[in-house]
């Protein structure tokens, strides 16, 4: 039975790669990291502002209200 690849091996490693395959992998990693940073700045900033506002007002901060989940 063959060993299952980890997510790191699956997404970030290129075995016996040509120059073009390495560039494709590098571009994929760049887009992946850019997306993480973009979400951190946009959604994370919104969460941090709302958390500070809730703390100032003395109320409980529910992340579901920001994320769009929950029932109300």
N, C-alpha and C. Protein backbone atom coordinates (compact mmCIF):
# COMPACT_ATOMS: atom_id res chain seq x y z
N UNK A 1 0.84 -1.19 0.00
CA UNK A 1 0.00 0.00 0.00
C UNK A 1 0.89 1.25 0.00
N UNK A 2 0.64 2.14 -0.91
CA UNK A 2 1.46 3.34 -1.05
C UNK A 2 1.12 4.36 0.03
N UNK A 3 2.15 5.11 0.43
CA UNK A 3 1.96 6.15 1.44
C UNK A 3 1.21 7.32 0.82
N UNK A 4 0.28 7.88 1.57
CA UNK A 4 -0.49 9.02 1.09
C UNK A 4 0.32 10.30 1.28
N UNK A 5 0.30 11.16 0.28
CA UNK A 5 1.05 12.41 0.35
C UNK A 5 0.43 13.36 1.37
N UNK A 6 1.30 14.11 2.04
CA UNK A 6 0.81 15.16 2.92
C UNK A 6 0.38 16.34 2.07
N UNK A 7 -0.33 17.29 2.66
CA UNK A 7 -0.77 18.46 1.90
C UNK A 7 0.43 19.27 1.42
N UNK A 8 1.50 19.33 2.22
CA UNK A 8 2.70 20.03 1.79
C UNK A 8 3.30 19.39 0.55
N UNK A 9 3.38 18.10 0.55
CA UNK A 9 3.91 17.39 -0.62
C UNK A 9 3.00 17.57 -1.83
N UNK A 10 1.74 17.54 -1.57
CA UNK A 10 0.76 17.63 -2.67
C UNK A 10 0.76 19.00 -3.33
N UNK A 11 0.85 20.07 -2.53
CA UNK A 11 0.68 21.41 -3.08
C UNK A 11 1.98 22.17 -3.32
N UNK A 12 3.05 21.86 -2.58
CA UNK A 12 4.24 22.69 -2.64
C UNK A 12 5.47 22.01 -3.20
N UNK A 13 5.46 20.72 -3.40
CA UNK A 13 6.65 20.03 -3.89
C UNK A 13 6.45 19.58 -5.32
N UNK A 14 7.51 19.74 -6.09
CA UNK A 14 7.51 19.27 -7.47
C UNK A 14 8.73 18.37 -7.61
N UNK A 15 8.50 17.11 -7.82
CA UNK A 15 9.60 16.15 -7.94
C UNK A 15 10.06 16.08 -9.39
N UNK A 16 11.36 16.03 -9.61
CA UNK A 16 11.94 15.95 -10.96
C UNK A 16 11.34 17.04 -11.85
N UNK A 17 11.40 18.25 -11.37
CA UNK A 17 10.71 19.36 -12.03
C UNK A 17 11.55 19.98 -13.13
N UNK A 18 10.87 20.40 -14.15
CA UNK A 18 11.49 21.22 -15.18
C UNK A 18 11.41 22.67 -14.73
N UNK A 19 12.09 23.52 -15.48
CA UNK A 19 12.05 24.94 -15.15
C UNK A 19 10.61 25.45 -15.16
N UNK A 20 9.82 25.06 -16.13
CA UNK A 20 8.43 25.52 -16.24
C UNK A 20 7.58 25.02 -15.08
N UNK A 21 7.76 23.78 -14.66
CA UNK A 21 6.99 23.24 -13.54
C UNK A 21 7.32 23.97 -12.25
N UNK A 22 8.58 24.31 -12.06
CA UNK A 22 8.95 25.08 -10.86
C UNK A 22 8.32 26.46 -10.88
N UNK A 23 8.27 27.12 -12.05
CA UNK A 23 7.64 28.45 -12.15
C UNK A 23 6.14 28.35 -11.85
N UNK A 24 5.50 27.31 -12.35
CA UNK A 24 4.07 27.12 -12.06
C UNK A 24 3.85 26.92 -10.57
N UNK A 25 4.69 26.11 -9.96
CA UNK A 25 4.58 25.89 -8.51
C UNK A 25 4.81 27.19 -7.77
N UNK A 26 5.82 27.97 -8.13
CA UNK A 26 6.11 29.24 -7.46
C UNK A 26 4.94 30.21 -7.60
N UNK A 27 4.34 30.26 -8.77
CA UNK A 27 3.18 31.14 -8.99
C UNK A 27 2.00 30.69 -8.14
N UNK A 28 1.80 29.38 -8.05
CA UNK A 28 0.70 28.85 -7.24
C UNK A 28 0.91 29.22 -5.76
N UNK A 29 2.15 29.05 -5.27
CA UNK A 29 2.46 29.39 -3.87
C UNK A 29 2.27 30.88 -3.63
N UNK A 30 2.72 31.71 -4.57
CA UNK A 30 2.54 33.15 -4.44
C UNK A 30 1.07 33.52 -4.31
N UNK A 31 0.24 32.97 -5.20
CA UNK A 31 -1.21 33.26 -5.14
C UNK A 31 -1.82 32.76 -3.83
N UNK A 32 -1.41 31.59 -3.38
CA UNK A 32 -1.91 31.02 -2.13
C UNK A 32 -1.58 31.93 -0.95
N UNK A 33 -0.32 32.37 -0.86
CA UNK A 33 0.08 33.24 0.25
C UNK A 33 -0.55 34.62 0.14
N UNK A 34 -0.66 35.13 -1.09
CA UNK A 34 -1.30 36.42 -1.28
C UNK A 34 -2.74 36.39 -0.79
N UNK A 35 -3.44 35.32 -1.09
CA UNK A 35 -4.84 35.18 -0.65
C UNK A 35 -4.93 35.18 0.87
N UNK A 36 -4.02 34.48 1.53
CA UNK A 36 -4.02 34.45 3.00
C UNK A 36 -3.80 35.85 3.56
N UNK A 37 -2.79 36.57 3.03
CA UNK A 37 -2.53 37.92 3.51
C UNK A 37 -3.69 38.85 3.20
N UNK A 38 -4.29 38.75 2.04
CA UNK A 38 -5.42 39.60 1.67
C UNK A 38 -6.59 39.38 2.62
N UNK A 39 -6.89 38.12 2.92
CA UNK A 39 -7.97 37.84 3.86
C UNK A 39 -7.64 38.36 5.25
N UNK A 40 -6.38 38.25 5.64
CA UNK A 40 -5.98 38.74 6.96
C UNK A 40 -6.20 40.25 7.04
N UNK A 41 -5.83 40.98 5.99
CA UNK A 41 -5.99 42.43 6.00
C UNK A 41 -7.45 42.84 5.91
N UNK A 42 -8.24 42.20 5.07
CA UNK A 42 -9.62 42.65 4.87
C UNK A 42 -10.55 42.10 5.94
N UNK A 43 -10.72 40.81 5.99
CA UNK A 43 -11.63 40.20 6.97
C UNK A 43 -11.08 40.35 8.38
N UNK A 44 -9.78 40.13 8.53
CA UNK A 44 -9.17 40.27 9.85
C UNK A 44 -9.31 41.67 10.39
N UNK A 45 -9.14 42.67 9.54
CA UNK A 45 -9.31 44.06 9.98
C UNK A 45 -10.73 44.33 10.44
N UNK A 46 -11.68 43.82 9.71
CA UNK A 46 -13.08 43.99 10.08
C UNK A 46 -13.37 43.33 11.43
N UNK A 47 -12.83 42.13 11.62
CA UNK A 47 -13.03 41.44 12.89
C UNK A 47 -12.38 42.20 14.05
N UNK A 48 -11.17 42.70 13.84
CA UNK A 48 -10.49 43.44 14.90
C UNK A 48 -11.24 44.72 15.26
N UNK A 49 -11.76 45.45 14.26
CA UNK A 49 -12.54 46.67 14.54
C UNK A 49 -13.81 46.37 15.32
N UNK A 50 -14.53 45.34 14.89
CA UNK A 50 -15.77 44.98 15.58
C UNK A 50 -15.51 44.50 17.00
N UNK A 51 -14.41 43.78 17.20
CA UNK A 51 -14.07 43.31 18.55
C UNK A 51 -13.75 44.50 19.47
N UNK A 52 -13.01 45.48 18.96
CA UNK A 52 -12.71 46.67 19.76
C UNK A 52 -13.98 47.46 20.07
N UNK A 53 -14.87 47.57 19.09
CA UNK A 53 -16.14 48.28 19.30
C UNK A 53 -16.97 47.59 20.38
N UNK A 54 -17.05 46.27 20.31
CA UNK A 54 -17.81 45.51 21.32
C UNK A 54 -17.20 45.69 22.70
N UNK A 55 -15.88 45.70 22.78
CA UNK A 55 -15.21 45.88 24.08
C UNK A 55 -15.51 47.27 24.64
N UNK A 56 -15.49 48.29 23.78
CA UNK A 56 -15.81 49.65 24.24
C UNK A 56 -17.23 49.75 24.75
N UNK A 57 -18.16 49.08 24.06
CA UNK A 57 -19.56 49.15 24.44
C UNK A 57 -19.92 48.16 25.54
N UNK A 58 -18.99 47.30 25.91
CA UNK A 58 -19.23 46.35 26.99
C UNK A 58 -20.18 45.23 26.62
N UNK A 59 -20.21 44.86 25.36
CA UNK A 59 -21.09 43.76 24.95
C UNK A 59 -20.26 42.59 24.45
N UNK A 60 -20.92 41.47 24.30
CA UNK A 60 -20.26 40.26 23.82
C UNK A 60 -20.12 40.34 22.31
N UNK A 61 -18.96 39.94 21.83
CA UNK A 61 -18.70 39.95 20.39
C UNK A 61 -18.93 38.55 19.84
N UNK A 62 -19.89 38.42 18.94
CA UNK A 62 -20.19 37.14 18.30
C UNK A 62 -19.65 37.17 16.88
N UNK A 63 -18.74 36.28 16.59
CA UNK A 63 -18.11 36.25 15.27
C UNK A 63 -19.13 35.88 14.19
N UNK A 64 -20.18 35.16 14.53
CA UNK A 64 -21.20 34.77 13.55
C UNK A 64 -21.87 35.99 12.92
N UNK A 65 -21.96 37.08 13.64
CA UNK A 65 -22.60 38.27 13.09
C UNK A 65 -21.76 38.86 11.96
N UNK A 66 -20.44 38.73 12.07
CA UNK A 66 -19.55 39.24 11.04
C UNK A 66 -19.45 38.25 9.89
N UNK A 67 -19.33 36.96 10.21
CA UNK A 67 -19.11 35.92 9.20
C UNK A 67 -20.38 35.59 8.43
N UNK A 68 -21.53 36.06 8.89
CA UNK A 68 -22.77 35.78 8.18
C UNK A 68 -23.44 34.51 8.62
N UNK A 69 -22.92 33.88 9.65
CA UNK A 69 -23.53 32.63 10.12
C UNK A 69 -24.51 32.91 11.25
N UNK A 70 -25.02 31.86 11.82
CA UNK A 70 -25.94 31.98 12.94
C UNK A 70 -27.34 32.34 12.51
N UNK A 71 -28.20 32.50 13.48
CA UNK A 71 -29.60 32.73 13.16
C UNK A 71 -30.04 34.15 13.45
N UNK A 72 -29.14 34.99 13.88
CA UNK A 72 -29.68 36.29 14.07
C UNK A 72 -28.81 37.25 14.71
